[in-house]
Amino acid sequence: MKKIIVADDERHIRRLVCDFLTNEGYEALEAADGDVALELFRQNKDVAALILDVMMPNMDGWAVCREIRKTSSVPILLLTARSEEFDQLMGFEVGADDYVTKPFSPSVLMKRVAVLLKHAEAAPDNAADRNALDSLVVDEAAHVVTLDGKPLELTLKEYKILLKLLSSVGRVFTREQLLDDIWGFDYTGDARTVDSHMARLRTKLGDWGNRHLKTVYGTGYKIESAKEEE
């Protein structure tokens, strides 16, 4: 029986979701806030998915999702009381797989959960979802970056820049290319924003960044492999 954590500070919603999950053959684990949800996840290594309300006391759903994504790619669905674009974008930025807006149909929610679980089961441990160079590993499926085996905290823009550079090791990407690909064609800010993001990224990457992340003055940036450096 698959375990699913349901975290919502509104008891009647929590009970409703848990009852439907139980009827669908799942084992529902209840949490009234984010702290309890995170503790339940750590205590139950076989949790198949989490349903997290965004607005909860102590630790909100975004924070729980961000914490779990440091170590796990378990499916996460967020419940939000608003349909604003910010909530949706924030959910995907912290690593959520899907979101449902309140009020919601419990039957539709069960379908969304079933789809998430099906995709998780079907997803192979495929090297195509992983970019690695020396001690740095980017797991695209889990949206997790590790350096020397430890999770690395990157902003969404920093993550996308790193992924772009790793997609073609040795190739120089101009500031304009990075702006278009990551900030979008309609971005009207200064191209120097790329430089500030790269500076922070290099700092977070430490020795690895000093070895592999190169500035091509007057042009842009690239990642070099150890072979290229020799």
Protein backbone atom coordinates (compact mmCIF):
# COMPACT_ATOMS: atom_id res chain seq x y z
CA MET A 1 0.00 0.00 0.00
CA LYS A 2 1.52 3.31 -1.09
CA LYS A 3 1.95 5.97 1.56
CA ILE A 4 0.96 9.56 0.79
CA ILE A 5 1.52 12.47 3.17
CA VAL A 6 -1.30 15.01 3.33
CA ALA A 7 -0.36 18.30 4.98
CA ASP A 8 -2.99 20.99 5.50
CA ASP A 9 -3.76 23.07 8.57
CA GLU A 10 -7.50 22.97 7.75
CA ARG A 11 -8.66 19.74 9.38
CA HIS A 12 -11.79 19.27 7.25
CA ILE A 13 -9.79 19.52 4.02
CA ARG A 14 -7.10 17.22 5.37
CA ARG A 15 -9.67 14.63 6.40
CA LEU A 16 -11.50 14.88 3.07
CA VAL A 17 -8.33 14.25 1.07
CA CYS A 18 -7.25 11.42 3.38
CA ASP A 19 -10.65 9.72 3.12
CA PHE A 20 -10.51 9.80 -0.68
CA LEU A 21 -6.95 8.48 -0.67
CA THR A 22 -7.96 5.64 1.62
CA ASN A 23 -10.88 4.78 -0.64
CA GLU A 24 -8.43 4.66 -3.57
CA GLY A 25 -6.28 2.14 -1.73
CA TYR A 26 -3.54 4.43 -0.41
CA GLU A 27 -2.29 4.83 3.15
CA ALA A 28 -2.72 8.49 4.12
CA LEU A 29 -0.40 10.09 6.68
CA GLU A 30 -1.77 13.33 8.15
CA ALA A 31 0.15 16.48 9.05
CA ALA A 32 -1.35 19.70 10.39
CA ASP A 33 1.66 21.83 9.47
CA GLY A 34 4.86 21.78 7.45
CA ASP A 35 7.14 20.77 10.30
CA VAL A 36 5.12 17.62 10.96
CA ALA A 37 4.99 16.84 7.24
CA LEU A 38 8.77 17.03 6.95
CA GLU A 39 9.24 14.86 10.02
CA LEU A 40 6.80 12.28 8.66
CA PHE A 41 8.71 12.22 5.38
CA ARG A 42 12.00 11.64 7.18
CA GLN A 43 10.51 8.86 9.30
CA ASN A 44 8.88 7.07 6.36
CA LYS A 45 11.46 6.38 3.66
CA ASP A 46 8.86 4.62 1.50
CA VAL A 47 6.54 7.62 1.04
CA ALA A 48 5.25 7.59 -2.54
CA ALA A 49 4.04 11.20 -2.77
CA LEU A 50 3.15 14.33 -0.80
CA ILE A 51 0.15 16.66 -1.02
CA LEU A 52 1.11 19.95 0.60
CA ASP A 53 -1.01 23.00 1.30
CA VAL A 54 0.97 26.13 0.45
CA MET A 55 -0.19 28.27 3.38
CA MET A 56 0.56 26.42 6.62
CA PRO A 57 1.91 27.57 10.01
CA ASN A 58 5.52 27.01 11.12
CA MET A 59 6.70 25.89 7.69
CA ASP A 60 4.71 26.51 4.51
CA GLY A 61 4.35 24.11 1.60
CA TRP A 62 6.99 25.87 -0.47
CA ALA A 63 9.57 25.53 2.28
CA VAL A 64 8.76 21.85 2.81
CA CYS A 65 9.04 21.19 -0.91
CA ARG A 66 12.36 23.03 -1.13
CA GLU A 67 13.76 21.03 1.80
CA ILE A 68 12.65 17.67 0.40
CA ARG A 69 14.09 18.47 -3.02
CA LYS A 70 17.56 18.60 -1.48
CA THR A 71 17.53 14.82 -1.18
CA SER A 72 14.52 13.36 -3.00
CA SER A 73 12.58 13.45 -6.29
CA VAL A 74 9.39 12.05 -4.69
CA PRO A 75 6.26 13.44 -6.42
CA ILE A 76 4.93 16.58 -4.73
CA LEU A 77 1.57 18.22 -5.40
CA LEU A 78 0.84 21.65 -3.92
CA LEU A 79 -2.59 22.90 -2.87
CA THR A 80 -3.02 26.66 -3.21
CA ALA A 81 -5.96 28.85 -2.29
CA ARG A 82 -5.13 31.22 -5.12
CA SER A 83 -4.72 30.79 -8.85
CA GLU A 84 -2.27 33.66 -9.20
CA GLU A 85 0.68 33.12 -11.53
CA PHE A 86 3.13 33.85 -8.71
CA ASP A 87 1.91 30.87 -6.69
CA GLN A 88 2.21 28.58 -9.71
CA LEU A 89 5.68 29.79 -10.66
CA MET A 90 6.89 29.61 -7.08
CA GLY A 91 5.62 26.03 -6.83
CA PHE A 92 7.56 24.92 -9.88
CA GLU A 93 10.63 26.90 -8.81
CA VAL A 94 10.89 25.02 -5.51
CA GLY A 95 10.49 21.70 -7.31
CA ALA A 96 6.79 20.82 -7.13
CA ASP A 97 5.49 18.45 -9.81
CA ASP A 98 1.92 19.75 -9.94
CA TYR A 99 -0.52 22.06 -8.18
CA VAL A 100 -4.26 22.18 -7.59
CA THR A 101 -6.21 25.33 -6.76
CA LYS A 102 -8.75 25.41 -3.93
CA PRO A 103 -11.63 24.76 -4.00
CA PHE A 104 -11.01 21.52 -5.86
CA SER A 105 -12.81 18.35 -6.84
CA PRO A 106 -11.51 15.44 -4.72
CA SER A 107 -12.04 13.10 -7.69
CA VAL A 108 -9.92 15.31 -9.93
CA LEU A 109 -7.27 15.51 -7.21
CA MET A 110 -7.14 11.70 -7.06
CA LYS A 111 -6.64 11.58 -10.84
CA ARG A 112 -3.77 14.06 -10.59
CA VAL A 113 -2.17 11.98 -7.84
CA ALA A 114 -2.53 8.81 -9.90
CA VAL A 115 -0.87 10.48 -12.89
CA LEU A 116 2.04 11.70 -10.76
CA LEU A 117 2.60 8.23 -9.32
CA LYS A 118 2.38 6.63 -12.77
CA HIS A 119 4.98 9.01 -14.16
CA ALA A 120 7.25 8.41 -11.16
CA GLU A 121 7.04 4.65 -11.63
CA ALA A 122 7.65 4.90 -15.37
CA ALA A 123 10.61 7.24 -15.08
CA PRO A 124 13.82 5.25 -15.62
CA ASP A 125 17.06 5.99 -13.85
CA ASN A 126 18.27 7.46 -17.08
CA ALA A 127 21.67 9.05 -17.52
CA ALA A 128 20.03 11.47 -19.97
CA ASP A 129 18.39 13.13 -16.98
CA ARG A 130 21.75 13.63 -15.30
CA ASN A 131 24.59 15.96 -16.18
CA ALA A 132 27.86 15.28 -14.42
CA LEU A 133 31.37 16.69 -14.56
CA ASP A 134 33.89 15.59 -11.99
CA SER A 135 32.26 15.98 -8.57
CA LEU A 136 29.30 18.02 -9.83
CA VAL A 137 26.04 16.23 -10.64
CA VAL A 138 22.85 17.86 -11.93
CA ASP A 139 19.78 15.62 -11.67
CA GLU A 140 17.23 17.28 -13.96
CA ALA A 141 14.40 14.93 -13.01
CA ALA A 142 14.78 15.74 -9.32
CA HIS A 143 15.89 19.34 -9.96
CA VAL A 144 18.82 18.73 -7.59
CA VAL A 145 22.45 19.80 -7.90
CA THR A 146 25.10 18.09 -5.77
CA LEU A 147 28.78 18.96 -5.40
CA ASP A 148 31.09 16.47 -3.73
CA GLY A 149 27.94 14.54 -2.77
CA LYS A 150 26.35 17.48 -0.96
CA PRO A 151 23.23 19.36 -2.16
CA LEU A 152 23.97 22.79 -3.60
CA GLU A 153 21.52 25.65 -3.02
CA LEU A 154 21.01 27.51 -6.30
CA THR A 155 18.39 30.00 -7.41
CA LEU A 156 16.31 29.07 -10.43
CA LYS A 157 18.32 31.40 -12.71
CA GLU A 158 21.64 30.00 -11.41
CA TYR A 159 20.38 26.47 -11.96
CA LYS A 160 19.31 27.24 -15.52
CA ILE A 161 22.62 28.93 -16.34
CA LEU A 162 24.57 25.94 -15.03
CA LEU A 163 22.38 23.51 -16.95
CA LYS A 164 22.77 25.55 -20.15
CA LEU A 165 26.55 25.63 -19.90
CA LEU A 166 26.72 21.91 -19.09
CA SER A 167 24.56 21.11 -22.12
CA SER A 168 27.54 21.84 -24.37
CA VAL A 169 30.84 21.64 -22.49
CA GLY A 170 33.52 23.70 -24.18
CA ARG A 171 31.10 25.92 -26.09
CA VAL A 172 31.11 29.65 -25.42
CA PHE A 173 27.67 31.11 -24.69
CA THR A 174 27.40 34.87 -25.16
CA ARG A 175 25.65 37.04 -22.61
CA GLU A 176 22.94 37.73 -25.19
CA GLN A 177 22.35 34.01 -25.74
CA LEU A 178 22.04 33.40 -22.01
CA LEU A 179 19.68 36.35 -21.62
CA ASP A 180 17.43 35.14 -24.45
CA ASP A 181 17.40 31.50 -23.28
CA ILE A 182 17.01 32.09 -19.54
CA TRP A 183 15.47 35.54 -19.08
CA GLY A 184 13.44 35.48 -22.30
CA PHE A 185 13.42 37.53 -25.48
CA ASP A 186 11.25 40.21 -23.89
CA TYR A 187 13.74 40.92 -21.09
CA THR A 188 14.62 44.63 -21.10
CA GLY A 189 17.22 44.73 -18.35
CA ASP A 190 20.97 45.15 -18.56
CA ALA A 191 23.11 42.31 -19.94
CA ARG A 192 25.35 42.77 -16.89
CA THR A 193 22.76 40.87 -14.85
CA VAL A 194 24.30 37.75 -16.41
CA ASP A 195 27.68 38.74 -14.95
CA SER A 196 26.26 39.17 -11.44
CA HIS A 197 24.52 35.79 -11.61
CA MET A 198 27.69 34.15 -12.89
CA ALA A 199 29.72 35.69 -10.08
CA ARG A 200 27.36 34.27 -7.46
CA LEU A 201 27.29 30.90 -9.22
CA ARG A 202 31.10 30.73 -9.33
CA THR A 203 31.25 31.53 -5.61
CA LYS A 204 28.79 28.75 -4.78
CA LEU A 205 30.71 26.29 -6.96
CA GLY A 206 33.96 27.03 -5.11
CA ASP A 207 37.03 25.15 -6.34
CA TRP A 208 34.96 23.34 -8.98
CA GLY A 209 33.89 26.69 -10.41
CA ASN A 210 37.45 27.98 -10.45
CA ARG A 211 38.55 24.90 -12.39
CA HIS A 212 35.70 24.59 -14.88
CA LEU A 213 33.69 27.82 -15.13
CA LYS A 214 35.52 30.17 -17.47
CA THR A 215 34.95 33.75 -18.55
CA VAL A 216 35.69 34.49 -22.20
CA TYR A 217 36.33 38.22 -21.95
CA GLY A 218 34.32 40.36 -24.30
CA THR A 219 32.13 37.40 -25.28
CA GLY A 220 30.56 35.28 -22.56
CA TYR A 221 31.05 32.11 -20.55
CA LYS A 222 31.77 28.41 -20.92
CA ILE A 223 32.45 25.28 -18.91
CA GLU A 224 35.70 23.47 -19.64
CA SER A 225 36.35 19.81 -18.98
CA ALA A 226 39.55 18.66 -17.30
CA LYS A 227 40.86 17.47 -20.68
CA GLU A 228 40.41 20.91 -22.23
CA GLU A 229 42.31 22.52 -19.40
CA GLU A 230 45.38 20.31 -19.87
